[in-house]
């Protein structure tokens, strides 16, 4: 199976099963095996051989945990205190006062706006 269209169909076949399993939460549609296992898969162009990759945990963390914690503290603090947007004086956006059920919808002096 060295024809690119066949390889694309094979990759789609494998991927669809894994994605269905991902969203259903059960390993029922995908093709799984143990690391290094050879799995024959029948296709219209013949039998394809898939080899399960030996995936595992990385030998060390991708990022330094101390650096990760430091950056988290800096950006959390900065996001709450320093990187806050406030418009420049004279460039504020006009905001209408929202009406509440307890405020009058009528202008002062209007007969319907008088209290009971």
PDB file of N, CA and C in Angstrom:
ATOM      1  N   UNK A   1       0.848  -1.175   0.000  1.00  0.00           N
ATOM      2  CA  UNK A   1       0.000   0.000   0.000  1.00  0.00           C
ATOM      3  C   UNK A   1       0.893   1.237   0.000  1.00  0.00           C
ATOM      4  N   UNK A   2       1.416   1.603  -1.128  1.00  0.00           N
ATOM      5  CA  UNK A   2       2.285   2.773  -1.192  1.00  0.00           C
ATOM      6  C   UNK A   2       1.647   3.908  -1.982  1.00  0.00           C
ATOM      7  N   UNK A   3       0.440   3.707  -2.452  1.00  0.00           N
ATOM      8  CA  UNK A   3      -0.278   4.713  -3.211  1.00  0.00           C
ATOM      9  C   UNK A   3      -0.808   5.777  -2.231  1.00  0.00           C
ATOM     10  N   UNK A   4      -0.465   7.069  -2.409  1.00  0.00           N
ATOM     11  CA  UNK A   4      -0.891   8.102  -1.467  1.00  0.00           C
ATOM     12  C   UNK A   4      -2.411   8.133  -1.195  1.00  0.00           C
ATOM     13  N   UNK A   5      -3.291   8.001  -2.209  1.00  0.00           N
ATOM     14  CA  UNK A   5      -4.717   7.993  -1.877  1.00  0.00           C
ATOM     15  C   UNK A   5      -5.094   6.834  -0.945  1.00  0.00           C
ATOM     16  N   UNK A   6      -4.457   5.684  -1.116  1.00  0.00           N
ATOM     17  CA  UNK A   6      -4.732   4.565  -0.219  1.00  0.00           C
ATOM     18  C   UNK A   6      -4.261   4.872   1.204  1.00  0.00           C
ATOM     19  N   UNK A   7      -3.095   5.516   1.307  1.00  0.00           N
ATOM     20  CA  UNK A   7      -2.580   5.871   2.624  1.00  0.00           C
ATOM     21  C   UNK A   7      -3.495   6.881   3.319  1.00  0.00           C
ATOM     22  N   UNK A   8      -4.045   7.814   2.550  1.00  0.00           N
ATOM     23  CA  UNK A   8      -4.964   8.809   3.116  1.00  0.00           C
ATOM     24  C   UNK A   8      -6.225   8.121   3.626  1.00  0.00           C
ATOM     25  N   UNK A   9      -6.778   7.197   2.852  1.00  0.00           N
ATOM     26  CA  UNK A   9      -7.978   6.475   3.287  1.00  0.00           C
ATOM     27  C   UNK A   9      -7.680   5.647   4.532  1.00  0.00           C
ATOM     28  N   UNK A  10      -6.519   5.035   4.596  1.00  0.00           N
ATOM     29  CA  UNK A  10      -6.135   4.235   5.747  1.00  0.00           C
ATOM     30  C   UNK A  10      -6.015   5.119   6.988  1.00  0.00           C
ATOM     31  N   UNK A  11      -5.375   6.288   6.840  1.00  0.00           N
ATOM     32  CA  UNK A  11      -5.226   7.214   7.970  1.00  0.00           C
ATOM     33  C   UNK A  11      -6.595   7.723   8.438  1.00  0.00           C
ATOM     34  N   UNK A  12      -7.495   7.989   7.496  1.00  0.00           N
ATOM     35  CA  UNK A  12      -8.845   8.426   7.866  1.00  0.00           C
ATOM     36  C   UNK A  12      -9.577   7.330   8.620  1.00  0.00           C
ATOM     37  N   UNK A  13      -9.415   6.086   8.186  1.00  0.00           N
ATOM     38  CA  UNK A  13     -10.061   4.941   8.824  1.00  0.00           C
ATOM     39  C   UNK A  13      -9.608   4.823  10.287  1.00  0.00           C
ATOM     40  N   UNK A  14      -8.303   4.921  10.513  1.00  0.00           N
ATOM     41  CA  UNK A  14      -7.767   4.839  11.872  1.00  0.00           C
ATOM     42  C   UNK A  14      -8.224   6.030  12.720  1.00  0.00           C
ATOM     43  N   UNK A  15      -8.141   7.222  12.149  1.00  0.00           N
ATOM     44  CA  UNK A  15      -8.470   8.438  12.889  1.00  0.00           C
ATOM     45  C   UNK A  15      -9.933   8.490  13.286  1.00  0.00           C
ATOM     46  N   UNK A  16     -10.833   8.127  12.386  1.00  0.00           N
ATOM     47  CA  UNK A  16     -12.268   8.169  12.693  1.00  0.00           C
ATOM     48  C   UNK A  16     -12.591   7.287  13.895  1.00  0.00           C
ATOM     49  N   UNK A  17     -12.031   6.096  13.944  1.00  0.00           N
ATOM     50  CA  UNK A  17     -12.281   5.211  15.074  1.00  0.00           C
ATOM     51  C   UNK A  17     -11.813   5.812  16.385  1.00  0.00           C
ATOM     52  N   UNK A  18     -10.641   6.436  16.386  1.00  0.00           N
ATOM     53  CA  UNK A  18     -10.113   7.037  17.621  1.00  0.00           C
ATOM     54  C   UNK A  18     -10.935   8.239  18.043  1.00  0.00           C
ATOM     55  N   UNK A  19     -11.354   9.064  17.075  1.00  0.00           N
ATOM     56  CA  UNK A  19     -12.149  10.251  17.409  1.00  0.00           C
ATOM     57  C   UNK A  19     -13.516   9.844  17.953  1.00  0.00           C
ATOM     58  N   UNK A  20     -14.144   8.831  17.343  1.00  0.00           N
ATOM     59  CA  UNK A  20     -15.425   8.339  17.859  1.00  0.00           C
ATOM     60  C   UNK A  20     -15.248   7.858  19.302  1.00  0.00           C
ATOM     61  N   UNK A  21     -14.182   7.138  19.568  1.00  0.00           N
ATOM     62  CA  UNK A  21     -13.908   6.667  20.932  1.00  0.00           C
ATOM     63  C   UNK A  21     -13.665   7.826  21.884  1.00  0.00           C
ATOM     64  N   UNK A  22     -12.958   8.848  21.418  1.00  0.00           N
ATOM     65  CA  UNK A  22     -12.663  10.004  22.246  1.00  0.00           C
ATOM     66  C   UNK A  22     -13.954  10.669  22.714  1.00  0.00           C
ATOM     67  N   UNK A  23     -14.903  10.864  21.805  1.00  0.00           N
ATOM     68  CA  UNK A  23     -16.139  11.546  22.164  1.00  0.00           C
ATOM     69  C   UNK A  23     -17.143  10.642  22.870  1.00  0.00           C
ATOM     70  N   UNK A  24     -17.069   9.346  22.653  1.00  0.00           N
ATOM     71  CA  UNK A  24     -18.000   8.442  23.337  1.00  0.00           C
ATOM     72  C   UNK A  24     -17.468   8.027  24.705  1.00  0.00           C
ATOM     73  N   UNK A  25     -16.172   8.162  24.920  1.00  0.00           N
ATOM     74  CA  UNK A  25     -15.574   7.796  26.195  1.00  0.00           C
ATOM     75  C   UNK A  25     -15.333   6.305  26.346  1.00  0.00           C
ATOM     76  N   UNK A  26     -15.469   5.547  25.274  1.00  0.00           N
ATOM     77  CA  UNK A  26     -15.228   4.103  25.329  1.00  0.00           C
ATOM     78  C   UNK A  26     -14.337   3.686  24.171  1.00  0.00           C
ATOM     79  N   UNK A  27     -13.421   2.749  24.382  1.00  0.00           N
ATOM     80  CA  UNK A  27     -12.571   2.271  23.281  1.00  0.00           C
ATOM     81  C   UNK A  27     -13.278   1.168  22.498  1.00  0.00           C
ATOM     82  N   UNK A  28     -14.278   1.546  21.702  1.00  0.00           N
ATOM     83  CA  UNK A  28     -15.055   0.528  20.998  1.00  0.00           C
ATOM     84  C   UNK A  28     -14.901   0.577  19.474  1.00  0.00           C
ATOM     85  N   UNK A  29     -14.538   1.722  18.914  1.00  0.00           N
ATOM     86  CA  UNK A  29     -14.487   1.851  17.456  1.00  0.00           C
ATOM     87  C   UNK A  29     -13.059   1.865  16.902  1.00  0.00           C
ATOM     88  N   UNK A  30     -12.117   2.324  17.689  1.00  0.00           N
ATOM     89  CA  UNK A  30     -10.737   2.447  17.214  1.00  0.00           C
ATOM     90  C   UNK A  30      -9.999   1.128  17.239  1.00  0.00           C
ATOM     91  N   UNK A  31      -8.815   1.149  16.639  1.00  0.00           N
ATOM     92  CA  UNK A  31      -7.951  -0.024  16.614  1.00  0.00           C
ATOM     93  C   UNK A  31      -6.821   0.233  17.603  1.00  0.00           C
ATOM     94  N   UNK A  32      -6.690  -0.654  18.571  1.00  0.00           N
ATOM     95  CA  UNK A  32      -5.699  -0.491  19.634  1.00  0.00           C
ATOM     96  C   UNK A  32      -4.851  -1.742  19.746  1.00  0.00           C
ATOM     97  N   UNK A  33      -3.682  -1.614  20.338  1.00  0.00           N
ATOM     98  CA  UNK A  33      -2.794  -2.748  20.562  1.00  0.00           C
ATOM     99  C   UNK A  33      -1.726  -2.380  21.569  1.00  0.00           C
ATOM    100  N   UNK A  34      -0.863  -3.299  21.854  1.00  0.00           N
ATOM    101  CA  UNK A  34       0.246  -3.029  22.766  1.00  0.00           C
ATOM    102  C   UNK A  34       1.432  -2.502  21.962  1.00  0.00           C
ATOM    103  N   UNK A  35       2.336  -1.754  22.596  1.00  0.00           N
ATOM    104  CA  UNK A  35       3.476  -1.177  21.870  1.00  0.00           C
ATOM    105  C   UNK A  35       4.268  -2.223  21.089  1.00  0.00           C
ATOM    106  N   UNK A  36       4.527  -1.925  19.829  1.00  0.00           N
ATOM    107  CA  UNK A  36       5.286  -2.798  18.954  1.00  0.00           C
ATOM    108  C   UNK A  36       4.457  -3.873  18.258  1.00  0.00           C
ATOM    109  N   UNK A  37       3.192  -3.984  18.613  1.00  0.00           N
ATOM    110  CA  UNK A  37       2.336  -5.026  18.012  1.00  0.00           C
ATOM    111  C   UNK A  37       2.036  -4.698  16.555  1.00  0.00           C
ATOM    112  N   UNK A  38       2.063  -5.724  15.716  1.00  0.00           N
ATOM    113  CA  UNK A  38       1.729  -5.599  14.295  1.00  0.00           C
ATOM    114  C   UNK A  38       0.255  -5.969  14.132  1.00  0.00           C
ATOM    115  N   UNK A  39      -0.542  -5.027  13.582  1.00  0.00           N
ATOM    116  CA  UNK A  39      -1.977  -5.255  13.423  1.00  0.00           C
ATOM    117  C   UNK A  39      -2.322  -5.249  11.936  1.00  0.00           C
ATOM    118  N   UNK A  40      -2.789  -6.386  11.373  1.00  0.00           N
ATOM    119  CA  UNK A  40      -3.215  -6.393   9.972  1.00  0.00           C
ATOM    120  C   UNK A  40      -4.614  -5.790   9.855  1.00  0.00           C
ATOM    121  N   UNK A  41      -4.780  -4.880   8.885  1.00  0.00           N
ATOM    122  CA  UNK A  41      -6.072  -4.220   8.672  1.00  0.00           C
ATOM    123  C   UNK A  41      -6.465  -4.410   7.214  1.00  0.00           C
ATOM    124  N   UNK A  42      -7.610  -5.076   6.972  1.00  0.00           N
ATOM    125  CA  UNK A  42      -8.044  -5.271   5.584  1.00  0.00           C
ATOM    126  C   UNK A  42      -8.545  -3.960   4.968  1.00  0.00           C
ATOM    127  N   UNK A  43      -8.107  -3.700   3.746  1.00  0.00           N
ATOM    128  CA  UNK A  43      -8.542  -2.514   3.004  1.00  0.00           C
ATOM    129  C   UNK A  43      -8.908  -2.940   1.591  1.00  0.00           C
ATOM    130  N   UNK A  44      -9.592  -2.072   0.836  1.00  0.00           N
ATOM    131  CA  UNK A  44      -9.934  -2.418  -0.548  1.00  0.00           C
ATOM    132  C   UNK A  44      -8.705  -2.674  -1.419  1.00  0.00           C
ATOM    133  N   UNK A  45      -7.570  -2.068  -1.070  1.00  0.00           N
ATOM    134  CA  UNK A  45      -6.357  -2.231  -1.866  1.00  0.00           C
ATOM    135  C   UNK A  45      -5.501  -3.396  -1.380  1.00  0.00           C
ATOM    136  N   UNK A  46      -5.945  -4.090  -0.343  1.00  0.00           N
ATOM    137  CA  UNK A  46      -5.168  -5.194   0.222  1.00  0.00           C
ATOM    138  C   UNK A  46      -5.036  -5.030   1.730  1.00  0.00           C
ATOM    139  N   UNK A  47      -4.269  -5.890   2.322  1.00  0.00           N
ATOM    140  CA  UNK A  47      -4.083  -5.837   3.769  1.00  0.00           C
ATOM    141  C   UNK A  47      -2.978  -4.852   4.118  1.00  0.00           C
ATOM    142  N   UNK A  48      -3.286  -3.962   5.050  1.00  0.00           N
ATOM    143  CA  UNK A  48      -2.304  -2.988   5.523  1.00  0.00           C
ATOM    144  C   UNK A  48      -1.799  -3.443   6.878  1.00  0.00           C
ATOM    145  N   UNK A  49      -0.550  -3.218   7.138  1.00  0.00           N
ATOM    146  CA  UNK A  49       0.039  -3.565   8.425  1.00  0.00           C
ATOM    147  C   UNK A  49       0.283  -2.286   9.216  1.00  0.00           C
ATOM    148  N   UNK A  50      -0.301  -2.223  10.392  1.00  0.00           N
ATOM    149  CA  UNK A  50      -0.086  -1.087  11.287  1.00  0.00           C
ATOM    150  C   UNK A  50       0.738  -1.568  12.465  1.00  0.00           C
ATOM    151  N   UNK A  51       1.704  -0.775  12.865  1.00  0.00           N
ATOM    152  CA  UNK A  51       2.535  -1.099  14.020  1.00  0.00           C
ATOM    153  C   UNK A  51       2.232  -0.080  15.110  1.00  0.00           C
ATOM    154  N   UNK A  52       1.877  -0.565  16.303  1.00  0.00           N
ATOM    155  CA  UNK A  52       1.541   0.303  17.428  1.00  0.00           C
ATOM    156  C   UNK A  52       2.822   0.949  17.942  1.00  0.00           C
ATOM    157  N   UNK A  53       2.793   2.269  18.054  1.00  0.00           N
ATOM    158  CA  UNK A  53       3.975   3.002  18.510  1.00  0.00           C
ATOM    159  C   UNK A  53       4.153   2.854  20.017  1.00  0.00           C
ATOM    160  N   UNK A  54       5.384   2.819  20.471  1.00  0.00           N
ATOM    161  CA  UNK A  54       5.627   2.716  21.918  1.00  0.00           C
ATOM    162  C   UNK A  54       5.586   4.079  22.592  1.00  0.00           C
ATOM    163  N   UNK A  55       4.395   4.565  22.872  1.00  0.00           N
ATOM    164  CA  UNK A  55       4.252   5.848  23.543  1.00  0.00           C
ATOM    165  C   UNK A  55       4.279   5.649  25.049  1.00  0.00           C
ATOM    166  N   UNK A  56       4.851   6.573  25.746  1.00  0.00           N
ATOM    167  CA  UNK A  56       4.910   6.504  27.200  1.00  0.00           C
ATOM    168  C   UNK A  56       5.048   7.903  27.770  1.00  0.00           C
ATOM    169  N   UNK A  57       5.300   7.981  29.042  1.00  0.00           N
ATOM    170  CA  UNK A  57       5.486   9.269  29.686  1.00  0.00           C
ATOM    171  C   UNK A  57       6.857   9.821  29.332  1.00  0.00           C
ATOM    172  N   UNK A  58       6.973  11.135  29.199  1.00  0.00           N
ATOM    173  CA  UNK A  58       8.290  11.706  28.920  1.00  0.00           C
ATOM    174  C   UNK A  58       9.238  11.457  30.091  1.00  0.00           C
ATOM    175  N   UNK A  59      10.515  11.378  29.806  1.00  0.00           N
ATOM    176  CA  UNK A  59      11.508  11.106  30.845  1.00  0.00           C
ATOM    177  C   UNK A  59      11.585  12.244  31.856  1.00  0.00           C
ATOM    178  N   UNK A  60      11.322  13.460  31.436  1.00  0.00           N
ATOM    179  CA  UNK A  60      11.330  14.603  32.341  1.00  0.00           C
ATOM    180  C   UNK A  60      10.201  15.543  31.916  1.00  0.00           C
ATOM    181  N   UNK A  61       9.778  16.426  32.806  1.00  0.00           N
ATOM    182  CA  UNK A  61       8.711  17.359  32.436  1.00  0.00           C
ATOM    183  C   UNK A  61       9.131  18.229  31.254  1.00  0.00           C
ATOM    184  N   UNK A  62       8.168  18.599  30.464  1.00  0.00           N
ATOM    185  CA  UNK A  62       8.451  19.427  29.293  1.00  0.00           C
ATOM    186  C   UNK A  62       8.934  20.800  29.740  1.00  0.00           C
ATOM    187  N   UNK A  63       8.265  21.364  30.769  1.00  0.00           N
ATOM    188  CA  UNK A  63       8.671  22.663  31.299  1.00  0.00           C
ATOM    189  C   UNK A  63       9.125  22.487  32.740  1.00  0.00           C
ATOM    190  N   UNK A  64      10.003  23.340  33.152  1.00  0.00           N
ATOM    191  CA  UNK A  64      10.472  23.343  34.527  1.00  0.00           C
ATOM    192  C   UNK A  64       9.307  23.729  35.444  1.00  0.00           C
ATOM    193  N   UNK A  65       8.946  22.912  36.442  1.00  0.00           N
ATOM    194  CA  UNK A  65       7.811  23.228  37.321  1.00  0.00           C
ATOM    195  C   UNK A  65       7.983  24.544  38.084  1.00  0.00           C
ATOM    196  N   UNK A  66       9.202  24.899  38.452  1.00  0.00           N
ATOM    197  CA  UNK A  66       9.424  26.162  39.160  1.00  0.00           C
ATOM    198  C   UNK A  66       9.146  27.336  38.226  1.00  0.00           C
ATOM    199  N   UNK A  67       9.618  27.232  36.986  1.00  0.00           N
ATOM    200  CA  UNK A  67       9.347  28.279  35.999  1.00  0.00           C
ATOM    201  C   UNK A  67       7.844  28.376  35.744  1.00  0.00           C
ATOM    202  N   UNK A  68       7.180  27.244  35.625  1.00  0.00           N
ATOM    203  CA  UNK A  68       5.730  27.211  35.393  1.00  0.00           C
ATOM    204  C   UNK A  68       4.995  27.926  36.525  1.00  0.00           C
ATOM    205  N   UNK A  69       5.346  27.630  37.768  1.00  0.00           N
ATOM    206  CA  UNK A  69       4.690  28.254  38.926  1.00  0.00           C
ATOM    207  C   UNK A  69       4.973  29.755  38.963  1.00  0.00           C
ATOM    208  N   UNK A  70       6.206  30.150  38.685  1.00  0.00           N
ATOM    209  CA  UNK A  70       6.575  31.566  38.695  1.00  0.00           C
ATOM    210  C   UNK A  70       5.798  32.343  37.644  1.00  0.00           C
ATOM    211  N   UNK A  71       5.745  31.821  36.425  1.00  0.00           N
ATOM    212  CA  UNK A  71       5.001  32.504  35.358  1.00  0.00           C
ATOM    213  C   UNK A  71       3.514  32.576  35.671  1.00  0.00           C
ATOM    214  N   UNK A  72       2.973  31.533  36.282  1.00  0.00           N
ATOM    215  CA  UNK A  72       1.555  31.542  36.642  1.00  0.00           C
ATOM    216  C   UNK A  72       1.270  32.653  37.644  1.00  0.00           C
ATOM    217  N   UNK A  73       2.106  32.794  38.659  1.00  0.00           N
ATOM    218  CA  UNK A  73       1.922  33.848  39.663  1.00  0.00           C
ATOM    219  C   UNK A  73       2.026  35.227  39.011  1.00  0.00           C
ATOM    220  N   UNK A  74       3.040  35.420  38.171  1.00  0.00           N
ATOM    221  CA  UNK A  74       3.235  36.723  37.527  1.00  0.00           C
ATOM    222  C   UNK A  74       2.041  37.092  36.657  1.00  0.00           C
ATOM    223  N   UNK A  75       1.595  36.171  35.812  1.00  0.00           N
ATOM    224  CA  UNK A  75       0.505  36.502  34.896  1.00  0.00           C
ATOM    225  C   UNK A  75      -0.840  36.602  35.609  1.00  0.00           C
ATOM    226  N   UNK A  76      -1.064  35.818  36.639  1.00  0.00           N
ATOM    227  CA  UNK A  76      -2.300  35.964  37.413  1.00  0.00           C
ATOM    228  C   UNK A  76      -2.349  37.320  38.095  1.00  0.00           C
ATOM    229  N   UNK A  77      -1.251  37.707  38.755  1.00  0.00           N
ATOM    230  CA  UNK A  77      -1.198  39.003  39.427  1.00  0.00           C
ATOM    231  C   UNK A  77      -1.309  40.138  38.412  1.00  0.00           C
ATOM    232  N   UNK A  78      -0.545  40.043  37.329  1.00  0.00           N
ATOM    233  CA  UNK A  78      -0.586  41.083  36.304  1.00  0.00           C
ATOM    234  C   UNK A  78      -1.957  41.226  35.674  1.00  0.00           C
ATOM    235  N   UNK A  79      -2.626  40.098  35.441  1.00  0.00           N
ATOM    236  CA  UNK A  79      -3.950  40.148  34.827  1.00  0.00           C
ATOM    237  C   UNK A  79      -4.990  40.773  35.728  1.00  0.00           C
ATOM    238  N   UNK A  80      -4.794  40.661  37.029  1.00  0.00           N
ATOM    239  CA  UNK A  80      -5.761  41.250  37.962  1.00  0.00           C
ATOM    240  C   UNK A  80      -5.440  42.703  38.298  1.00  0.00           C
ATOM    241  N   UNK A  81      -4.164  43.094  38.230  1.00  0.00           N
ATOM    242  CA  UNK A  81      -3.781  44.409  38.729  1.00  0.00           C
ATOM    243  C   UNK A  81      -3.146  45.339  37.707  1.00  0.00           C
ATOM    244  N   UNK A  82      -2.314  44.827  36.815  1.00  0.00           N
ATOM    245  CA  UNK A  82      -1.596  45.709  35.911  1.00  0.00           C
ATOM    246  C   UNK A  82      -2.201  45.773  34.519  1.00  0.00           C
ATOM    247  N   UNK A  83      -2.625  44.667  33.980  1.00  0.00           N
ATOM    248  CA  UNK A  83      -3.066  44.633  32.589  1.00  0.00           C
ATOM    249  C   UNK A  83      -4.577  44.841  32.493  1.00  0.00           C
ATOM    250  N   UNK A  84      -5.074  45.828  33.200  1.00  0.00           N
ATOM    251  CA  UNK A  84      -6.502  46.111  33.227  1.00  0.00           C
ATOM    252  C   UNK A  84      -6.743  47.319  32.332  1.00  0.00           C
ATOM    253  N   UNK A  85      -7.704  47.191  31.439  1.00  0.00           N
ATOM    254  CA  UNK A  85      -7.987  48.283  30.512  1.00  0.00           C
ATOM    255  C   UNK A  85      -8.917  49.299  31.146  1.00  0.00           C
ATOM    256  N   UNK A  86      -8.475  50.543  31.168  1.00  0.00           N
ATOM    257  CA  UNK A  86      -9.343  51.643  31.572  1.00  0.00           C
ATOM    258  C   UNK A  86      -9.177  52.716  30.510  1.00  0.00           C
ATOM    259  N   UNK A  87     -10.291  53.216  29.967  1.00  0.00           N
ATOM    260  CA  UNK A  87     -10.183  54.216  28.896  1.00  0.00           C
ATOM    261  C   UNK A  87      -9.519  55.511  29.382  1.00  0.00           C
ATOM    262  N   UNK A  88      -8.864  56.198  28.455  1.00  0.00           N
ATOM    263  CA  UNK A  88      -8.247  57.482  28.772  1.00  0.00           C
ATOM    264  C   UNK A  88      -9.329  58.509  29.061  1.00  0.00           C
ATOM    265  N   UNK A  89      -9.029  59.503  29.889  1.00  0.00           N
ATOM    266  CA  UNK A  89     -10.022  60.548  30.166  1.00  0.00           C
ATOM    267  C   UNK A  89     -10.477  61.215  28.872  1.00  0.00           C
ATOM    268  N   UNK A  90     -11.767  61.371  28.743  1.00  0.00           N
ATOM    269  CA  UNK A  90     -12.331  61.975  27.538  1.00  0.00           C
ATOM    270  C   UNK A  90     -12.690  60.962  26.466  1.00  0.00           C
ATOM    271  N   UNK A  91     -12.312  59.698  26.635  1.00  0.00           N
ATOM    272  CA  UNK A  91     -12.598  58.668  25.649  1.00  0.00           C
ATOM    273  C   UNK A  91     -13.482  57.564  26.224  1.00  0.00           C
ATOM    274  N   UNK A  92     -14.192  57.867  27.310  1.00  0.00           N
ATOM    275  CA  UNK A  92     -15.054  56.870  27.920  1.00  0.00           C
ATOM    276  C   UNK A  92     -16.226  56.562  26.998  1.00  0.00           C
ATOM    277  N   UNK A  93     -16.758  55.387  27.107  1.00  0.00           N
ATOM    278  CA  UNK A  93     -17.925  54.976  26.335  1.00  0.00           C
ATOM    279  C   UNK A  93     -19.167  55.323  27.148  1.00  0.00           C
ATOM    280  N   UNK A  94     -20.089  56.094  26.568  1.00  0.00           N
ATOM    281  CA  UNK A  94     -21.289  56.440  27.336  1.00  0.00           C
ATOM    282  C   UNK A  94     -22.134  55.190  27.608  1.00  0.00           C
ATOM    283  N   UNK A  95     -22.590  55.073  28.831  1.00  0.00           N
ATOM    284  CA  UNK A  95     -23.385  53.923  29.237  1.00  0.00           C
ATOM    285  C   UNK A  95     -24.695  54.441  29.800  1.00  0.00           C
ATOM    286  N   UNK A  96     -25.801  53.910  29.277  1.00  0.00           N
ATOM    287  CA  UNK A  96     -27.115  54.302  29.810  1.00  0.00           C
ATOM    288  C   UNK A  96     -27.337  53.618  31.137  1.00  0.00           C
ATOM    289  N   UNK A  97     -28.027  54.288  32.013  1.00  0.00           N
ATOM    290  CA  UNK A  97     -28.362  53.681  33.289  1.00  0.00           C
ATOM    291  C   UNK A  97     -29.411  52.608  33.033  1.00  0.00           C
ATOM    292  N   UNK A  98     -29.141  51.428  33.511  1.00  0.00           N
ATOM    293  CA  UNK A  98     -30.081  50.325  33.321  1.00  0.00           C
ATOM    294  C   UNK A  98     -31.300  50.533  34.210  1.00  0.00           C
ATOM    295  N   UNK A  99     -32.442  50.184  33.682  1.00  0.00           N
ATOM    296  CA  UNK A  99     -33.674  50.280  34.460  1.00  0.00           C
ATOM    297  C   UNK A  99     -33.820  49.029  35.309  1.00  0.00           C
ATOM    298  N   UNK A 100     -34.200  49.229  36.526  1.00  0.00           N
ATOM    299  CA  UNK A 100     -34.453  48.082  37.388  1.00  0.00           C
ATOM    300  C   UNK A 100     -35.948  48.039  37.691  1.00  0.00           C
ATOM    301  N   UNK A 101     -36.450  46.934  38.193  1.00  0.00           N
ATOM    302  CA  UNK A 101     -37.876  46.855  38.529  1.00  0.00           C
ATOM    303  C   UNK A 101     -38.270  47.859  39.605  1.00  0.00           C
ATOM    304  N   UNK A 102     -37.276  48.373  40.362  1.00  0.00           N
ATOM    305  CA  UNK A 102     -37.588  49.290  41.453  1.00  0.00           C
ATOM    306  C   UNK A 102     -37.438  50.743  41.039  1.00  0.00           C
ATOM    307  N   UNK A 103     -36.931  51.008  39.849  1.00  0.00           N
ATOM    308  CA  UNK A 103     -36.806  52.400  39.424  1.00  0.00           C
ATOM    309  C   UNK A 103     -37.951  52.743  38.484  1.00  0.00           C
ATOM    310  N   UNK A 104     -38.280  53.996  38.433  1.00  0.00           N
ATOM    311  CA  UNK A 104     -39.394  54.449  37.607  1.00  0.00           C
ATOM    312  C   UNK A 104     -38.970  54.512  36.145  1.00  0.00           C
ATOM    313  N   UNK A 105     -39.862  54.113  35.278  1.00  0.00           N
ATOM    314  CA  UNK A 105     -39.589  54.193  33.843  1.00  0.00           C
ATOM    315  C   UNK A 105     -40.086  55.519  33.269  1.00  0.00           C
ATOM    316  N   UNK A 106     -40.686  56.307  34.097  1.00  0.00           N
ATOM    317  CA  UNK A 106     -41.280  57.551  33.627  1.00  0.00           C
ATOM    318  C   UNK A 106     -40.459  58.735  34.111  1.00  0.00           C
ATOM    319  N   UNK A 107     -40.412  59.807  33.325  1.00  0.00           N
ATOM    320  CA  UNK A 107     -39.673  60.992  33.763  1.00  0.00           C
ATOM    321  C   UNK A 107     -40.328  61.615  35.003  1.00  0.00           C
ATOM    322  N   UNK A 108     -39.530  62.371  35.721  1.00  0.00           N
ATOM    323  CA  UNK A 108     -40.061  63.027  36.920  1.00  0.00           C
ATOM    324  C   UNK A 108     -41.233  63.919  36.542  1.00  0.00           C
ATOM    325  N   UNK A 109     -42.276  63.882  37.347  1.00  0.00           N
ATOM    326  CA  UNK A 109     -43.452  64.699  37.101  1.00  0.00           C
ATOM    327  C   UNK A 109     -44.504  64.020  36.238  1.00  0.00           C
ATOM    328  N   UNK A 110     -44.201  62.929  35.607  1.00  0.00           N
ATOM    329  CA  UNK A 110     -45.172  62.205  34.789  1.00  0.00           C
ATOM    330  C   UNK A 110     -46.161  61.504  35.719  1.00  0.00           C
ATOM    331  N   UNK A 111     -47.485  61.583  35.400  1.00  0.00           N
ATOM    332  CA  UNK A 111     -48.496  60.995  36.305  1.00  0.00           C
ATOM    333  C   UNK A 111     -48.283  59.500  36.557  1.00  0.00           C
ATOM    334  N   UNK A 112     -47.787  58.770  35.568  1.00  0.00           N
ATOM    335  CA  UNK A 112     -47.604  57.337  35.774  1.00  0.00           C
ATOM    336  C   UNK A 112     -46.390  57.043  36.643  1.00  0.00           C
ATOM    337  N   UNK A 113     -45.515  58.023  36.817  1.00  0.00           N
ATOM    338  CA  UNK A 113     -44.311  57.802  37.596  1.00  0.00           C
ATOM    339  C   UNK A 113     -44.466  58.110  39.068  1.00  0.00           C
ATOM    340  N   UNK A 114     -45.636  58.556  39.473  1.00  0.00           N
ATOM    341  CA  UNK A 114     -45.836  58.883  40.883  1.00  0.00           C
ATOM    342  C   UNK A 114     -45.924  57.600  41.705  1.00  0.00           C
ATOM    343  N   UNK A 115     -45.418  57.682  42.904  1.00  0.00           N
ATOM    344  CA  UNK A 115     -45.474  56.486  43.770  1.00  0.00           C
ATOM    345  C   UNK A 115     -46.889  56.262  44.241  1.00  0.00           C
ATOM    346  N   UNK A 116     -47.176  55.076  44.672  1.00  0.00           N
ATOM    347  CA  UNK A 116     -48.537  54.715  45.066  1.00  0.00           C
ATOM    348  C   UNK A 116     -48.840  55.345  46.362  1.00  0.00           C
TER     349      UNK A 116
END
